[in-house]
Protein backbone atom coordinates (compact mmCIF):
# COMPACT_ATOMS: atom_id res chain seq x y z
CA UNK A 1 -1.27 9.27 -28.53
CA UNK A 2 0.84 12.03 -26.99
CA UNK A 3 4.01 10.01 -27.54
CA UNK A 4 3.08 9.42 -31.21
CA UNK A 5 2.46 13.14 -31.70
CA UNK A 6 5.85 13.89 -30.21
CA UNK A 7 7.57 11.49 -32.62
CA UNK A 8 5.74 13.03 -35.60
CA UNK A 9 6.74 16.51 -34.44
CA UNK A 10 10.37 15.41 -34.17
CA UNK A 11 10.41 13.92 -37.69
CA UNK A 12 8.75 17.03 -39.14
CA UNK A 13 11.30 19.33 -37.51
CA UNK A 14 14.22 17.23 -38.84
CA UNK A 15 12.73 17.22 -42.35
CA UNK A 16 12.36 21.00 -42.22
CA UNK A 17 16.01 21.43 -41.32
CA UNK A 18 17.12 19.22 -44.21
CA UNK A 19 15.02 21.22 -46.69
CA UNK A 20 16.58 24.44 -45.49
CA UNK A 21 20.12 23.11 -46.03
CA UNK A 22 19.55 22.29 -49.77
CA UNK A 23 20.68 25.36 -51.90
CA UNK A 24 18.62 26.43 -54.89
CA UNK A 25 20.21 25.67 -58.32
CA UNK A 26 21.54 28.87 -60.05
CA UNK A 27 22.52 27.38 -63.43
CA UNK A 28 20.32 25.46 -65.83
CA UNK A 29 21.13 21.79 -66.26
CA UNK A 30 23.21 20.75 -69.35
CA UNK A 31 21.05 19.39 -72.20
CA UNK A 32 21.59 15.81 -73.21
CA UNK A 33 22.67 14.87 -76.80
CA UNK A 34 19.77 13.89 -79.04
CA UNK A 35 19.55 13.00 -82.79
CA UNK A 36 19.03 16.05 -85.06
CA UNK A 37 15.49 16.07 -86.45
CA UNK A 38 14.94 16.35 -90.22
CA UNK A 39 12.60 19.30 -89.75
CA UNK A 40 13.41 22.01 -87.31
CA UNK A 41 10.74 22.39 -84.75
CA UNK A 42 10.79 25.61 -82.77
CA UNK A 43 11.53 24.83 -79.13
CA UNK A 44 9.46 26.70 -76.62
CA UNK A 45 11.39 28.89 -74.28
CA UNK A 46 11.81 27.37 -70.82
CA UNK A 47 10.85 29.53 -67.92
CA UNK A 48 13.51 30.32 -65.41
CA UNK A 49 13.44 27.98 -62.47
CA UNK A 50 11.95 29.53 -59.36
CA UNK A 51 13.78 29.52 -56.09
CA UNK A 52 12.74 26.73 -53.78
CA UNK A 53 10.90 27.87 -50.71
CA UNK A 54 10.31 25.87 -47.56
CA UNK A 55 6.61 25.69 -46.64
CA UNK A 56 5.78 27.12 -43.25
CA UNK A 57 4.36 23.80 -42.06
CA UNK A 58 7.85 22.28 -41.86
CA UNK A 59 9.08 24.96 -39.49
CA UNK A 60 8.93 23.60 -35.92
CA UNK A 61 6.62 25.67 -33.78
CA UNK A 62 7.19 26.49 -30.15
CA UNK A 63 4.58 23.93 -29.06
CA UNK A 64 6.36 21.18 -31.03
CA UNK A 65 9.68 22.09 -29.45
CA UNK A 66 8.12 21.92 -25.98
CA UNK A 67 6.57 18.52 -26.79
CA UNK A 68 9.96 17.29 -27.94
CA UNK A 69 11.58 18.34 -24.70
CA UNK A 70 8.80 16.68 -22.69
CA UNK A 71 9.22 13.45 -24.70
CA UNK A 72 12.93 13.42 -24.03
CA UNK A 73 12.42 13.99 -20.32
CA UNK A 74 9.77 11.23 -20.11
CA UNK A 75 12.01 8.74 -21.90
CA UNK A 76 14.99 9.71 -19.76
CA UNK A 77 12.92 9.30 -16.57
CA UNK A 78 10.82 6.20 -17.33
CA UNK A 79 12.02 4.63 -20.56
CA UNK A 80 15.31 3.20 -19.43
CA UNK A 81 14.01 1.79 -16.15
CA UNK A 82 10.78 0.39 -17.59
CA UNK A 83 12.64 -1.46 -20.36
CA UNK A 84 14.51 -3.62 -17.84
CA UNK A 85 11.74 -5.78 -16.33
CA UNK A 86 9.63 -7.74 -18.84
CA UNK A 87 7.69 -10.89 -17.87
CA UNK A 88 5.90 -13.04 -20.50
CA UNK A 89 5.79 -10.12 -22.90
CA UNK A 90 4.29 -7.74 -20.30
CA UNK A 91 6.30 -4.77 -19.09
CA UNK A 92 5.99 -4.12 -15.37
CA UNK A 93 5.49 -0.50 -14.31
CA UNK A 94 8.61 1.17 -12.87
CA UNK A 95 8.82 2.36 -9.29
CA UNK A 96 9.40 5.90 -10.58
CA UNK A 97 5.69 6.41 -11.28
CA UNK A 98 5.04 6.52 -7.53
CA UNK A 99 5.52 9.81 -5.71
CA UNK A 100 7.93 10.37 -2.85
CA UNK A 101 6.47 11.84 0.33
CA UNK A 102 8.43 14.15 2.57
CA UNK A 103 8.73 12.88 6.12
CA UNK A 104 8.23 15.19 9.09
CA UNK A 105 10.29 14.43 12.17
CA UNK A 106 9.82 15.89 15.62
CA UNK A 107 12.81 17.33 17.41
CA UNK A 108 14.61 15.26 19.99
CA UNK A 109 14.00 17.95 22.62
CA UNK A 110 10.20 17.57 22.30
CA UNK A 111 10.38 13.81 22.74
CA UNK A 112 12.66 14.14 25.77
CA UNK A 113 10.28 16.62 27.36
CA UNK A 114 7.31 14.31 26.87
CA UNK A 115 9.32 11.38 28.26
CA UNK A 116 10.05 13.42 31.40
CA UNK A 117 6.35 14.28 31.75
CA UNK A 118 5.44 10.58 31.55
CA UNK A 119 7.91 9.67 34.30
CA UNK A 120 6.71 12.50 36.53
CA UNK A 121 3.03 11.68 36.01
CA UNK A 122 3.55 8.00 36.86
CA UNK A 123 5.67 8.89 39.89
CA UNK A 124 2.96 11.21 41.20
CA UNK A 125 0.61 8.20 41.34
CA UNK A 126 3.14 6.04 43.14
CA UNK A 127 4.38 4.07 40.11
CA UNK A 128 8.14 3.92 39.69
CA UNK A 129 9.14 3.76 36.00
CA UNK A 130 11.73 4.88 33.51
CA UNK A 131 11.48 5.67 29.78
CA UNK A 132 14.17 3.57 28.09
CA UNK A 133 13.09 3.82 24.42
CA UNK A 134 11.67 6.53 22.16
CA UNK A 135 10.47 5.36 18.74
CA UNK A 136 9.13 8.20 16.57
CA UNK A 137 6.51 7.15 14.02
CA UNK A 138 4.62 9.02 11.31
CA UNK A 139 1.50 9.69 13.42
CA UNK A 140 2.37 8.60 16.96
CA UNK A 141 5.52 8.31 19.03
CA UNK A 142 5.99 5.20 21.13
CA UNK A 143 7.66 5.62 24.52
CA UNK A 144 9.03 2.37 25.95
CA UNK A 145 8.48 2.46 29.72
CA UNK A 146 10.30 -0.03 31.93
CA UNK A 147 8.32 -0.74 35.13
CA UNK A 148 10.16 -0.08 38.39
CA UNK A 149 9.89 -1.71 41.80
CA UNK A 150 7.37 -1.63 44.61
CA UNK A 151 9.57 -1.34 47.67
CA UNK A 152 8.50 -2.22 51.20
CA UNK A 153 10.46 -0.56 53.99
CA UNK A 154 10.43 -0.38 57.76
CA UNK A 155 11.68 2.18 60.23
CA UNK A 156 14.23 1.15 62.83
CA UNK A 157 14.86 3.44 65.81
CA UNK A 158 18.35 3.41 67.26
CA UNK A 159 20.25 5.35 69.94
CA UNK A 160 23.62 6.79 69.20
CA UNK A 161 26.47 7.22 71.71
CA UNK A 162 25.05 10.48 72.96
CA UNK A 163 21.70 8.87 73.67
CA UNK A 164 19.79 10.53 70.84
CA UNK A 165 17.17 8.50 68.98
CA UNK A 166 17.68 8.18 65.23
CA UNK A 167 15.33 6.60 62.72
CA UNK A 168 16.83 4.38 60.01
CA UNK A 169 14.80 3.19 57.00
CA UNK A 170 15.56 -0.36 55.91
CA UNK A 171 14.26 -2.03 52.74
CA UNK A 172 12.45 -5.23 53.52
CA UNK A 173 11.43 -6.47 50.06
CA UNK A 174 10.77 -5.27 46.54
CA UNK A 175 8.53 -6.51 43.73
CA UNK A 176 8.02 -5.43 40.14
CA UNK A 177 5.29 -2.91 39.38
CA UNK A 178 2.34 -4.68 37.80
CA UNK A 179 1.49 -3.78 34.23
CA UNK A 180 -2.16 -3.27 35.18
CA UNK A 181 -1.22 -0.32 37.35
CA UNK A 182 0.29 1.45 34.31
CA UNK A 183 -2.56 0.62 31.93
CA UNK A 184 -5.15 1.88 34.42
CA UNK A 185 -3.53 5.34 34.32
CA UNK A 186 -4.15 5.92 30.59
CA UNK A 187 -6.55 8.82 31.10
CA UNK A 188 -4.29 10.43 33.70
CA UNK A 189 -1.32 10.26 31.33
CA UNK A 190 -3.41 11.80 28.54
CA UNK A 191 -4.27 14.65 30.92
CA UNK A 192 -0.63 15.20 31.87
CA UNK A 193 0.51 15.18 28.21
CA UNK A 194 -2.45 17.30 26.99
CA UNK A 195 -3.14 14.65 24.33
CA UNK A 196 -6.60 13.82 22.94
CA UNK A 197 -6.07 10.12 23.66
CA UNK A 198 -3.20 7.73 24.19
CA UNK A 199 -2.92 4.00 23.64
CA UNK A 200 -0.98 1.68 25.91
CA UNK A 201 0.42 -1.57 24.50
CA UNK A 202 1.38 -3.83 27.35
CA UNK A 203 3.76 -5.39 26.76
CA UNK A 204 5.33 -4.58 23.39
CA UNK A 205 5.83 -7.89 21.48
CA UNK A 206 9.44 -9.01 21.72
CA UNK A 207 10.45 -6.31 24.21
CA UNK A 208 10.36 -6.09 28.00
CA UNK A 209 8.77 -2.63 28.04
CA UNK A 210 5.30 -1.13 28.12
CA UNK A 211 4.56 0.95 25.02
CA UNK A 212 2.79 4.28 25.50
CA UNK A 213 1.75 5.73 22.12
CA UNK A 214 1.26 9.51 22.15
CA UNK A 215 -0.09 11.33 19.04
CA UNK A 216 2.33 13.68 17.30
CA UNK A 217 1.58 17.36 16.93
CA UNK A 218 2.34 17.18 13.19
CA UNK A 219 1.57 13.99 11.27
CA UNK A 220 3.64 12.89 8.28
CA UNK A 221 2.33 11.13 5.18
CA UNK A 222 3.24 7.48 4.61
CA UNK A 223 3.82 6.87 0.90
CA UNK A 224 3.49 3.55 -0.90
CA UNK A 225 6.89 4.00 -2.53
CA UNK A 226 8.54 4.59 0.84
CA UNK A 227 7.40 1.16 2.04
CA UNK A 228 8.12 -0.71 -1.21
CA UNK A 229 11.73 0.49 -1.30
CA UNK A 230 12.50 -0.86 2.19
CA UNK A 231 14.39 -4.10 2.78
CA UNK A 232 11.46 -5.56 4.72
CA UNK A 233 9.23 -5.44 1.66
CA UNK A 234 11.94 -6.59 -0.74
CA UNK A 235 12.69 -9.71 1.32
CA UNK A 236 9.05 -10.80 1.23
CA UNK A 237 8.68 -9.86 -2.44
CA UNK A 238 11.68 -12.02 -3.35
CA UNK A 239 9.92 -15.20 -2.22
CA UNK A 240 6.27 -14.35 -2.87
CA UNK A 241 4.37 -12.61 -5.65
CA UNK A 242 1.55 -11.51 -3.33
CA UNK A 243 3.49 -9.12 -1.10
CA UNK A 244 1.46 -6.25 0.37
CA UNK A 245 2.75 -2.97 1.80
CA UNK A 246 0.67 -2.20 4.88
CA UNK A 247 2.38 0.95 6.16
CA UNK A 248 4.71 1.94 8.99
CA UNK A 249 4.54 0.91 12.60
CA UNK A 250 4.36 3.06 15.70
CA UNK A 251 8.16 3.17 15.79
CA UNK A 252 8.55 4.16 12.14
CA UNK A 253 9.48 0.66 10.92
CA UNK A 254 8.02 -0.57 7.60
CA UNK A 255 5.32 -3.26 7.82
CA UNK A 256 4.74 -5.67 4.92
CA UNK A 257 2.89 -8.97 4.71
CA UNK A 258 2.42 -11.94 2.37
CA UNK A 259 -1.16 -12.49 1.21
CA UNK A 260 -0.48 -16.17 0.42
CA UNK A 261 0.33 -16.77 4.10
CA UNK A 262 -2.51 -14.72 5.57
CA UNK A 263 -4.30 -16.34 3.57
CA UNK A 264 -7.40 -14.08 3.68
CA UNK A 265 -7.80 -10.51 4.91
CA UNK A 266 -10.73 -8.87 6.71
CA UNK A 267 -10.77 -5.04 6.89
CA UNK A 268 -13.16 -3.01 9.05
CA UNK A 269 -13.52 0.65 9.91
CA UNK A 270 -15.96 3.54 10.05
CA UNK A 271 -16.73 5.80 7.10
CA UNK A 272 -13.75 7.95 6.16
CA UNK A 273 -11.24 6.05 8.28
CA UNK A 274 -9.16 4.82 5.31
CA UNK A 275 -10.55 1.46 4.13
CA UNK A 276 -10.71 2.41 0.45
CA UNK A 277 -7.19 3.86 0.50
CA UNK A 278 -6.00 0.59 2.02
CA UNK A 279 -7.73 -1.39 -0.74
CA UNK A 280 -6.26 0.85 -3.45
CA UNK A 281 -2.72 0.52 -2.09
CA UNK A 282 -3.19 -3.25 -1.85
CA UNK A 283 -4.28 -3.44 -5.50
CA UNK A 284 -1.38 -1.20 -6.56
CA UNK A 285 1.12 -3.50 -4.82
CA UNK A 286 -0.25 -6.46 -6.75
CA UNK A 287 -0.19 -4.59 -10.07
CA UNK A 288 3.37 -3.32 -9.56
CA UNK A 289 4.90 -6.80 -9.26
CA UNK A 290 2.60 -9.13 -11.23
CA UNK A 291 1.54 -9.54 -14.86
CA UNK A 292 -1.97 -10.69 -15.94
CA UNK A 293 -0.71 -14.26 -16.42
CA UNK A 294 0.15 -14.45 -12.71
CA UNK A 295 -2.67 -12.61 -10.90
CA UNK A 296 -6.32 -12.12 -11.85
CA UNK A 297 -8.57 -9.80 -9.82
CA UNK A 298 -12.32 -9.97 -9.19
CA UNK A 299 -13.65 -6.72 -7.72
CA UNK A 300 -17.08 -6.18 -6.17
CA UNK A 301 -17.96 -2.52 -5.59
CA UNK A 302 -21.57 -1.86 -4.55
CA UNK A 303 -20.71 1.86 -4.10
CA UNK A 304 -19.99 2.11 -7.88
CA UNK A 305 -17.32 4.81 -7.46
CA UNK A 306 -14.45 3.32 -5.46
CA UNK A 307 -13.10 0.47 -7.61
CA UNK A 308 -14.58 1.34 -11.03
CA UNK A 309 -11.41 3.29 -12.10
CA UNK A 310 -9.66 -0.11 -12.36
CA UNK A 311 -11.94 -1.23 -15.20
CA UNK A 312 -9.26 -0.68 -17.88
CA UNK A 313 -6.50 -2.85 -16.40
CA UNK A 314 -5.79 -6.24 -18.04
CA UNK A 315 -5.61 -8.05 -14.68
CA UNK A 316 -9.40 -8.14 -14.27
CA UNK A 317 -11.01 -11.54 -14.75
CA UNK A 318 -14.32 -9.71 -15.19
CA UNK A 319 -15.26 -6.01 -15.21
CA UNK A 320 -15.84 -4.44 -11.80
CA UNK A 321 -19.13 -5.81 -10.46
CA UNK A 322 -21.51 -3.17 -9.11
CA UNK A 323 -24.76 -5.18 -9.06
CA UNK A 324 -25.41 -7.22 -5.94
CA UNK A 325 -27.14 -10.10 -7.74
CA UNK A 326 -24.26 -10.41 -10.22
CA UNK A 327 -21.87 -10.44 -7.28
CA UNK A 328 -23.65 -13.43 -5.76
CA UNK A 329 -23.48 -15.18 -9.14
CA UNK A 330 -19.75 -14.46 -9.27
CA UNK A 331 -19.31 -16.03 -5.84
CA UNK A 332 -21.05 -19.18 -7.13
CA UNK A 333 -18.72 -19.26 -10.17
CA UNK A 334 -15.69 -18.82 -7.93
CA UNK A 335 -16.85 -21.74 -5.84
CA UNK A 336 -17.07 -23.93 -8.94
CA UNK A 337 -13.67 -22.69 -10.16
CA UNK A 338 -12.15 -23.81 -6.86
CA UNK A 339 -13.52 -27.32 -7.36
CA UNK A 340 -12.17 -27.44 -10.94
CA UNK A 341 -8.74 -26.38 -9.75
CA UNK A 342 -8.71 -29.08 -7.11
CA UNK A 343 -9.42 -31.63 -9.84
CA UNK A 344 -6.47 -30.30 -11.87
CA UNK A 345 -4.18 -30.50 -8.84
CA UNK A 346 -5.32 -34.05 -8.11
CA UNK A 347 -4.75 -35.10 -11.73
CA UNK A 348 -1.24 -33.63 -11.75
CA UNK A 349 -0.42 -35.05 -8.33
CA UNK A 350 0.61 -31.81 -6.61
CA UNK A 351 -0.54 -30.26 -3.34
CA UNK A 352 -0.90 -26.57 -4.17
CA UNK A 353 -0.73 -24.01 -6.94
CA UNK A 354 3.01 -23.42 -6.47
CA UNK A 355 3.75 -27.05 -7.34
CA UNK A 356 1.42 -26.90 -10.34
CA UNK A 357 3.09 -23.77 -11.79
CA UNK A 358 6.64 -24.91 -11.08
CA UNK A 359 7.61 -25.99 -14.61
CA UNK A 360 5.02 -24.06 -16.62
CA UNK A 361 5.30 -20.77 -18.46
CA UNK A 362 2.97 -18.20 -20.00
CA UNK A 363 -0.66 -19.18 -20.37
CA UNK A 364 -0.03 -22.68 -19.03
CA UNK A 365 0.17 -21.31 -15.49
CA UNK A 366 -2.79 -21.14 -13.15
CA UNK A 367 -3.10 -17.47 -12.14
CA UNK A 368 -3.87 -16.43 -8.60
CA UNK A 369 -7.50 -15.33 -8.19
CA UNK A 370 -8.05 -12.56 -5.65
CA UNK A 371 -11.60 -11.57 -4.72
CA UNK A 372 -11.88 -7.98 -3.41
CA UNK A 373 -15.19 -6.92 -1.82
CA UNK A 374 -15.51 -3.27 -0.85
CA UNK A 375 -18.69 -3.55 1.23
CA UNK A 376 -19.66 -6.91 2.71
CA UNK A 377 -22.79 -5.64 4.48
CA UNK A 378 -24.53 -4.93 1.17
CA UNK A 379 -23.99 -8.51 0.02
CA UNK A 380 -25.15 -9.85 3.37
CA UNK A 381 -28.44 -7.97 3.06
CA UNK A 382 -29.02 -9.40 -0.43
CA UNK A 383 -28.43 -13.06 0.46
CA UNK A 384 -27.24 -13.72 4.00
CA UNK A 385 -27.19 -17.51 4.12
CA UNK A 386 -25.74 -18.08 0.65
CA UNK A 387 -23.05 -15.39 0.92
CA UNK A 388 -21.92 -16.61 4.34
CA UNK A 389 -21.83 -20.23 3.15
CA UNK A 390 -19.79 -19.47 0.02
CA UNK A 391 -17.37 -17.12 1.82
CA UNK A 392 -16.72 -19.65 4.57
CA UNK A 393 -16.20 -22.47 2.06
CA UNK A 394 -13.78 -20.36 0.02
CA UNK A 395 -11.91 -19.27 3.14
CA UNK A 396 -11.60 -22.86 4.33
CA UNK A 397 -10.56 -24.59 1.11
CA UNK A 398 -9.42 -22.07 -1.51
CA UNK A 399 -5.93 -21.39 -0.18
CA UNK A 400 -4.24 -24.32 -1.95
CA UNK A 401 -5.81 -23.42 -5.30
CA UNK A 402 -4.48 -19.84 -5.26
CA UNK A 403 -7.78 -18.10 -4.45
CA UNK A 404 -7.56 -15.42 -1.75
CA UNK A 405 -10.17 -13.06 -0.28
CA UNK A 406 -9.88 -9.41 0.75
CA UNK A 407 -13.15 -8.28 2.35
CA UNK A 408 -13.93 -4.82 3.76
CA UNK A 409 -16.93 -3.63 5.75
CA UNK A 410 -17.95 -0.40 7.48
CA UNK A 411 -19.50 -1.74 10.66
CA UNK A 412 -18.16 -5.07 11.96
CA UNK A 413 -21.38 -6.12 13.71
CA UNK A 414 -22.13 -9.72 14.56
CA UNK A 415 -24.76 -10.00 11.83
CA UNK A 416 -22.19 -9.04 9.15
CA UNK A 417 -18.95 -10.49 10.56
CA UNK A 418 -20.36 -13.73 11.91
CA UNK A 419 -18.53 -16.25 14.02
CA UNK A 420 -17.85 -18.54 11.05
CA UNK A 421 -16.38 -15.68 9.00
CA UNK A 422 -14.16 -14.57 11.89
CA UNK A 423 -12.91 -18.09 12.44
CA UNK A 424 -11.82 -18.40 8.80
CA UNK A 425 -10.27 -14.91 8.49
CA UNK A 426 -7.34 -15.01 10.92
CA UNK A 427 -5.72 -11.83 9.52
CA UNK A 428 -7.67 -8.67 10.30
CA UNK A 429 -7.16 -4.93 9.98
CA UNK A 430 -9.21 -2.47 12.01
CA UNK A 431 -9.30 1.24 11.30
CA UNK A 432 -11.02 3.70 13.62
CA UNK A 433 -14.45 2.39 14.69
CA UNK A 434 -17.25 4.10 16.54
CA UNK A 435 -17.51 1.95 19.66
CA UNK A 436 -15.62 -0.56 21.74
CA UNK A 437 -18.16 -3.24 20.81
CA UNK A 438 -17.13 -3.00 17.15
CA UNK A 439 -13.47 -3.19 18.16
CA UNK A 440 -14.08 -6.36 20.13
CA UNK A 441 -16.02 -7.85 17.22
CA UNK A 442 -13.19 -7.42 14.72
CA UNK A 443 -10.12 -7.72 16.99
CA UNK A 444 -11.48 -9.63 20.01
CA UNK A 445 -10.27 -6.73 22.13
CA UNK A 446 -10.54 -3.00 22.61
CA UNK A 447 -8.28 -0.30 21.23
CA UNK A 448 -9.63 0.46 17.75
CA UNK A 449 -12.08 3.00 19.14
CA UNK A 450 -9.15 5.12 20.38
CA UNK A 451 -7.47 5.47 16.99
CA UNK A 452 -7.07 8.93 15.48
CA UNK A 453 -8.92 8.14 12.26
CA UNK A 454 -6.22 9.52 9.90
CA UNK A 455 -5.44 6.21 8.25
CA UNK A 456 -3.91 4.60 11.34
CA UNK A 457 -4.94 1.01 11.96
CA UNK A 458 -4.44 -2.02 14.15
CA UNK A 459 -3.13 -5.12 12.37
CA UNK A 460 -3.66 -8.63 13.72
């Protein structure tokens, strides 16, 4: 409506300018020749033509001029880029609608000072080490520590020519410092660095170092646009439509993943740790690169306030479900839809949804169906056995038919995240949790209880 009003204002202003340019006629028009009547009829005197005046409504007001400038700026910023990508008659949103976040970087001198403190603290406890890498991230900085050697020596007493006894130290053997000796000093390192808590990753995957993650004094914001514009995301997005931007790693590198290869995602974390923001960014990634003919979303939101703003998007297979009983009915329908899709694949003679959609266009394609549940515990309380059975069956069989699950819960206890659900959800994300028991339930190991709780997570 604002764009229409701007166009009307522009046309009105142009019409007003044209009316002003037309001069008023000063001479009367020449009369045309007509046959002379037999009887003279007195002609009434014609009044003098009045000067034309432009009504005030055609004069562009200041508000209309401002709207015109805004319309031109909007078209210049979004119109040209958004007109480039059109799929099946749908126009994909441009990347320009996402904001850019300013990144905060710590000085190199601060990182070098903390690296020296780490070496001195480990040396004071008899552990030889050296910091060989410093990877600055948005929230934490990872120091790559290379373990040193445990050296065994012996003293040899010898007499010189004058008869004096001298002691010579000779190295007998040396062995590498065990990683357990470094990990056991986590609290001592936190004390030396004056940090609230540190996390030790031993070893860092793909590197021969032990990673010590120390929180930054000033945290920077990780924007969705900053991850989408990286080459890591673009490589995955080129081969898959279900690419998700997860964030940035401890070393500042962008992390992206393919939902079709996960193939299902389980998210856990305490209240306020960032689960809903993660779900929103996941949905935005899907909406930015897919049209309704390619991806259909089914959202279950028992909280009634987190996912309901998405009710107006055309990608929804059904409006956002807020009632628990309707959610269970939707799970039953999704189970039947999976069976129907398997029958279509068997009739066509293909193995998965990619082979079925290979030579089809528009509405002939089978869209991906993604089920997003914001709070699993509420569904479990309504119908434990049925919900667990349907979720496990979908997680086991629905991958080939293009049905994927994204499930979030606040407390990953064993009565909510059961053994069957964990076995069928290999990809998991854990935000900050309250206890080590919850961390072991979701990740099969500790570490999530030491997170800062500012949106940082552990991804498995």
